[in-house]
Each structure stands twice: as C-alpha cells, then as structure tokens.
Amino acid sequence: MYFWTTMVWSARILNMKEKKIDILRAEMNAQNWRKAISVAVKFPRLGGIRDAVHDAHLAYTNPRFIVQIGKQPSDLIEQGKAALITQYL
C-alpha cells in the first residue's frame, strides 16, 4: 500500500508545472531582478508596462547599446523593477 501511494504521489508532483507568474513572484521576492525581468519579458500580454520591462531587459543584456543611445542602464532597470512591483506585487 505504501509503495502505491508513494508512486501516485510522485506522479502528481512530476506532472505539476510551475507557472511563469509563480516563478516571477518568487524571483521578485528573492530580489533577483535580472531573472524576474527575464521571465516577465516573455509574457505575451504585459499591457502598459511592456516598454519598461523590455527596456530593462535590454539594459541587462546589452548595456553598451543603451549608453550609445544616451540612456543610463541603471535608470531603465529601476523603471522595469518599479513597473513589475506595481503590476505583480
């Protein structure tokens, strides 16, 4: 009996997939903003925060380009953080 219940329980755990929103919130709570922004940028519908999140992601992935166009990467990252906080926390 124990073997069967353990096997069924393990199958349920393996079939459960973690949702992107859960991963995003966990990374935000852990203050891992680079990972949080990289998860959020893949969301298909970001609404009004889309530009801020995409700019923050670009600032993490290619900061030299951001400097070349006359913006500060740290400012864009802070704007992306603020957008995620207002939308998802």
N, C-alpha and C. Protein backbone atom coordinates (compact mmCIF):
# COMPACT_ATOMS: atom_id res chain seq x y z
N MET A 1 0.83 -1.19 0.00
CA MET A 1 0.00 0.00 0.00
C MET A 1 0.87 1.25 0.00
N TYR A 2 1.92 1.27 0.81
CA TYR A 2 2.78 2.43 0.90
C TYR A 2 3.45 2.72 -0.44
N PHE A 3 3.91 1.65 -1.11
CA PHE A 3 4.58 1.82 -2.39
C PHE A 3 3.64 2.45 -3.41
N TRP A 4 2.41 1.99 -3.46
CA TRP A 4 1.44 2.50 -4.44
C TRP A 4 1.12 3.98 -4.18
N THR A 5 0.89 4.35 -2.94
CA THR A 5 0.57 5.75 -2.64
C THR A 5 1.77 6.65 -2.92
N THR A 6 2.96 6.16 -2.65
CA THR A 6 4.16 6.94 -2.93
C THR A 6 4.32 7.13 -4.43
N MET A 7 4.05 6.09 -5.19
CA MET A 7 4.18 6.18 -6.64
C MET A 7 3.15 7.16 -7.22
N VAL A 8 1.93 7.11 -6.76
CA VAL A 8 0.90 8.02 -7.24
C VAL A 8 1.24 9.45 -6.84
N TRP A 9 1.67 9.66 -5.62
CA TRP A 9 2.02 10.99 -5.15
C TRP A 9 3.18 11.56 -5.97
N SER A 10 4.19 10.74 -6.25
CA SER A 10 5.33 11.20 -7.05
C SER A 10 4.90 11.57 -8.46
N ALA A 11 3.99 10.82 -9.03
CA ALA A 11 3.49 11.12 -10.37
C ALA A 11 2.77 12.46 -10.39
N ARG A 12 2.01 12.76 -9.34
CA ARG A 12 1.31 14.04 -9.27
C ARG A 12 2.29 15.20 -9.18
N ILE A 13 3.33 15.02 -8.39
CA ILE A 13 4.33 16.09 -8.25
C ILE A 13 5.05 16.32 -9.56
N LEU A 14 5.39 15.25 -10.27
CA LEU A 14 6.11 15.40 -11.53
C LEU A 14 5.25 16.04 -12.61
N ASN A 15 3.95 15.84 -12.56
CA ASN A 15 3.07 16.40 -13.57
C ASN A 15 2.72 17.86 -13.30
N MET A 16 2.97 18.35 -12.10
CA MET A 16 2.67 19.73 -11.78
C MET A 16 3.75 20.63 -12.36
N LYS A 17 3.34 21.57 -13.18
CA LYS A 17 4.30 22.51 -13.74
C LYS A 17 4.15 23.83 -13.01
N GLU A 18 5.26 24.45 -12.75
CA GLU A 18 5.23 25.74 -12.09
C GLU A 18 4.88 26.80 -13.13
N LYS A 19 3.96 27.68 -12.78
CA LYS A 19 3.53 28.71 -13.72
C LYS A 19 4.56 29.84 -13.76
N LYS A 20 4.59 30.54 -14.89
CA LYS A 20 5.54 31.64 -15.05
C LYS A 20 5.30 32.74 -14.02
N ILE A 21 4.05 33.00 -13.71
CA ILE A 21 3.74 34.05 -12.73
C ILE A 21 4.27 33.68 -11.35
N ASP A 22 4.24 32.38 -11.02
CA ASP A 22 4.78 31.94 -9.73
C ASP A 22 6.30 32.10 -9.71
N ILE A 23 6.94 31.78 -10.83
CA ILE A 23 8.39 31.96 -10.91
C ILE A 23 8.74 33.43 -10.80
N LEU A 24 7.98 34.28 -11.49
CA LEU A 24 8.22 35.72 -11.45
C LEU A 24 8.10 36.26 -10.03
N ARG A 25 7.03 35.91 -9.35
CA ARG A 25 6.84 36.41 -7.98
C ARG A 25 7.91 35.88 -7.03
N ALA A 26 8.33 34.64 -7.21
CA ALA A 26 9.40 34.09 -6.36
C ALA A 26 10.70 34.84 -6.58
N GLU A 27 11.03 35.14 -7.82
CA GLU A 27 12.26 35.87 -8.11
C GLU A 27 12.18 37.30 -7.60
N MET A 28 11.01 37.91 -7.69
CA MET A 28 10.84 39.27 -7.17
C MET A 28 10.99 39.28 -5.66
N ASN A 29 10.41 38.31 -5.00
CA ASN A 29 10.52 38.24 -3.54
C ASN A 29 11.96 37.96 -3.09
N ALA A 30 12.71 37.25 -3.93
CA ALA A 30 14.11 36.97 -3.62
C ALA A 30 15.03 38.12 -4.03
N GLN A 31 14.46 39.18 -4.58
CA GLN A 31 15.23 40.34 -5.04
C GLN A 31 16.19 39.98 -6.18
N ASN A 32 15.85 38.96 -6.93
CA ASN A 32 16.65 38.57 -8.10
C ASN A 32 16.02 39.22 -9.32
N TRP A 33 16.32 40.49 -9.52
CA TRP A 33 15.63 41.29 -10.53
C TRP A 33 16.01 40.91 -11.95
N ARG A 34 17.23 40.52 -12.16
CA ARG A 34 17.64 40.13 -13.51
C ARG A 34 16.82 38.94 -14.00
N LYS A 35 16.67 37.94 -13.15
CA LYS A 35 15.87 36.76 -13.51
C LYS A 35 14.38 37.11 -13.61
N ALA A 36 13.89 37.96 -12.71
CA ALA A 36 12.48 38.35 -12.74
C ALA A 36 12.16 39.07 -14.05
N ILE A 37 13.02 39.97 -14.45
CA ILE A 37 12.78 40.70 -15.70
C ILE A 37 12.91 39.77 -16.90
N SER A 38 13.83 38.84 -16.85
CA SER A 38 13.98 37.91 -17.96
C SER A 38 12.76 36.98 -18.08
N VAL A 39 12.12 36.65 -16.98
CA VAL A 39 10.89 35.86 -17.02
C VAL A 39 9.73 36.71 -17.53
N ALA A 40 9.62 37.93 -17.03
CA ALA A 40 8.50 38.80 -17.38
C ALA A 40 8.53 39.23 -18.84
N VAL A 41 9.71 39.38 -19.42
CA VAL A 41 9.79 39.83 -20.80
C VAL A 41 9.19 38.81 -21.76
N LYS A 42 9.05 37.57 -21.33
CA LYS A 42 8.47 36.52 -22.17
C LYS A 42 6.95 36.45 -22.07
N PHE A 43 6.34 37.26 -21.20
CA PHE A 43 4.89 37.26 -21.09
C PHE A 43 4.30 37.85 -22.37
N PRO A 44 3.26 37.23 -22.93
CA PRO A 44 2.70 37.75 -24.17
C PRO A 44 1.92 39.05 -24.01
N ARG A 45 1.32 39.26 -22.84
CA ARG A 45 0.50 40.46 -22.63
C ARG A 45 0.95 41.17 -21.36
N LEU A 46 1.80 42.17 -21.53
CA LEU A 46 2.28 42.94 -20.39
C LEU A 46 1.50 44.24 -20.20
N GLY A 47 0.75 44.63 -21.21
CA GLY A 47 -0.04 45.85 -21.08
C GLY A 47 0.82 47.09 -21.06
N GLY A 48 0.51 47.99 -20.12
CA GLY A 48 1.19 49.27 -20.04
C GLY A 48 2.63 49.22 -19.58
N ILE A 49 3.06 48.10 -19.05
CA ILE A 49 4.44 48.01 -18.55
C ILE A 49 5.38 47.35 -19.54
N ARG A 50 4.86 47.05 -20.72
CA ARG A 50 5.65 46.33 -21.72
C ARG A 50 6.96 47.05 -22.04
N ASP A 51 6.89 48.33 -22.36
CA ASP A 51 8.09 49.06 -22.75
C ASP A 51 9.12 49.12 -21.63
N ALA A 52 8.66 49.34 -20.40
CA ALA A 52 9.58 49.42 -19.27
C ALA A 52 10.29 48.09 -19.04
N VAL A 53 9.56 46.99 -19.15
CA VAL A 53 10.15 45.67 -18.93
C VAL A 53 11.12 45.32 -20.06
N HIS A 54 10.73 45.61 -21.29
CA HIS A 54 11.62 45.32 -22.42
C HIS A 54 12.87 46.18 -22.37
N ASP A 55 12.73 47.45 -21.99
CA ASP A 55 13.90 48.32 -21.86
C ASP A 55 14.83 47.83 -20.75
N ALA A 56 14.27 47.39 -19.65
CA ALA A 56 15.09 46.87 -18.55
C ALA A 56 15.82 45.61 -18.98
N HIS A 57 15.15 44.76 -19.72
CA HIS A 57 15.79 43.54 -20.22
C HIS A 57 16.93 43.89 -21.17
N LEU A 58 16.70 44.86 -22.03
CA LEU A 58 17.76 45.30 -22.94
C LEU A 58 18.93 45.91 -22.17
N ALA A 59 18.63 46.62 -21.10
CA ALA A 59 19.69 47.21 -20.28
C ALA A 59 20.54 46.13 -19.62
N TYR A 60 19.92 45.02 -19.23
CA TYR A 60 20.70 43.91 -18.66
C TYR A 60 21.51 43.19 -19.73
N THR A 61 20.91 42.97 -20.89
CA THR A 61 21.57 42.14 -21.90
C THR A 61 22.56 42.91 -22.76
N ASN A 62 22.33 44.21 -22.97
CA ASN A 62 23.21 44.98 -23.83
C ASN A 62 23.37 46.41 -23.31
N PRO A 63 24.03 46.58 -22.17
CA PRO A 63 24.13 47.92 -21.58
C PRO A 63 24.93 48.91 -22.42
N ARG A 64 25.88 48.44 -23.21
CA ARG A 64 26.66 49.36 -24.04
C ARG A 64 25.80 50.04 -25.09
N PHE A 65 24.85 49.32 -25.65
CA PHE A 65 23.93 49.92 -26.62
C PHE A 65 23.08 51.00 -25.97
N ILE A 66 22.61 50.73 -24.76
CA ILE A 66 21.79 51.70 -24.04
C ILE A 66 22.58 52.99 -23.82
N VAL A 67 23.85 52.88 -23.46
CA VAL A 67 24.70 54.06 -23.27
C VAL A 67 24.88 54.79 -24.60
N GLN A 68 25.02 54.05 -25.70
CA GLN A 68 25.20 54.67 -27.01
C GLN A 68 24.00 55.49 -27.43
N ILE A 69 22.80 55.09 -27.03
CA ILE A 69 21.62 55.86 -27.40
C ILE A 69 21.30 56.94 -26.38
N GLY A 70 22.19 57.13 -25.41
CA GLY A 70 22.08 58.25 -24.49
C GLY A 70 21.24 58.02 -23.25
N LYS A 71 21.06 56.78 -22.87
CA LYS A 71 20.29 56.47 -21.66
C LYS A 71 21.19 55.74 -20.67
N GLN A 72 20.78 55.74 -19.42
CA GLN A 72 21.53 55.05 -18.37
C GLN A 72 20.89 53.68 -18.11
N PRO A 73 21.66 52.60 -18.21
CA PRO A 73 21.10 51.27 -17.95
C PRO A 73 20.48 51.14 -16.55
N SER A 74 21.10 51.75 -15.54
CA SER A 74 20.56 51.63 -14.19
C SER A 74 19.19 52.29 -14.07
N ASP A 75 18.97 53.39 -14.79
CA ASP A 75 17.66 54.04 -14.77
C ASP A 75 16.59 53.16 -15.39
N LEU A 76 16.92 52.54 -16.51
CA LEU A 76 15.95 51.66 -17.17
C LEU A 76 15.64 50.43 -16.33
N ILE A 77 16.66 49.91 -15.65
CA ILE A 77 16.44 48.75 -14.78
C ILE A 77 15.53 49.13 -13.62
N GLU A 78 15.75 50.28 -13.03
CA GLU A 78 14.90 50.73 -11.93
C GLU A 78 13.45 50.95 -12.38
N GLN A 79 13.27 51.48 -13.59
CA GLN A 79 11.92 51.67 -14.12
C GLN A 79 11.24 50.32 -14.36
N GLY A 80 12.00 49.34 -14.84
CA GLY A 80 11.45 48.00 -15.02
C GLY A 80 11.07 47.35 -13.71
N LYS A 81 11.91 47.52 -12.70
CA LYS A 81 11.59 47.00 -11.36
C LYS A 81 10.30 47.62 -10.83
N ALA A 82 10.20 48.95 -10.94
CA ALA A 82 9.02 49.65 -10.43
C ALA A 82 7.76 49.19 -11.16
N ALA A 83 7.87 48.98 -12.46
CA ALA A 83 6.72 48.51 -13.24
C ALA A 83 6.28 47.12 -12.79
N LEU A 84 7.24 46.22 -12.57
CA LEU A 84 6.89 44.88 -12.12
C LEU A 84 6.27 44.90 -10.72
N ILE A 85 6.81 45.74 -9.85
CA ILE A 85 6.27 45.83 -8.49
C ILE A 85 4.83 46.32 -8.51
N THR A 86 4.56 47.36 -9.29
CA THR A 86 3.18 47.88 -9.33
C THR A 86 2.22 46.90 -9.97
N GLN A 87 2.69 46.13 -10.95
CA GLN A 87 1.79 45.22 -11.67
C GLN A 87 1.58 43.89 -10.94
N TYR A 88 2.64 43.33 -10.36
CA TYR A 88 2.57 41.95 -9.87
C TYR A 88 2.73 41.76 -8.37
N LEU A 89 3.05 42.78 -7.62
CA LEU A 89 3.14 42.62 -6.15
C LEU A 89 2.09 43.42 -5.44
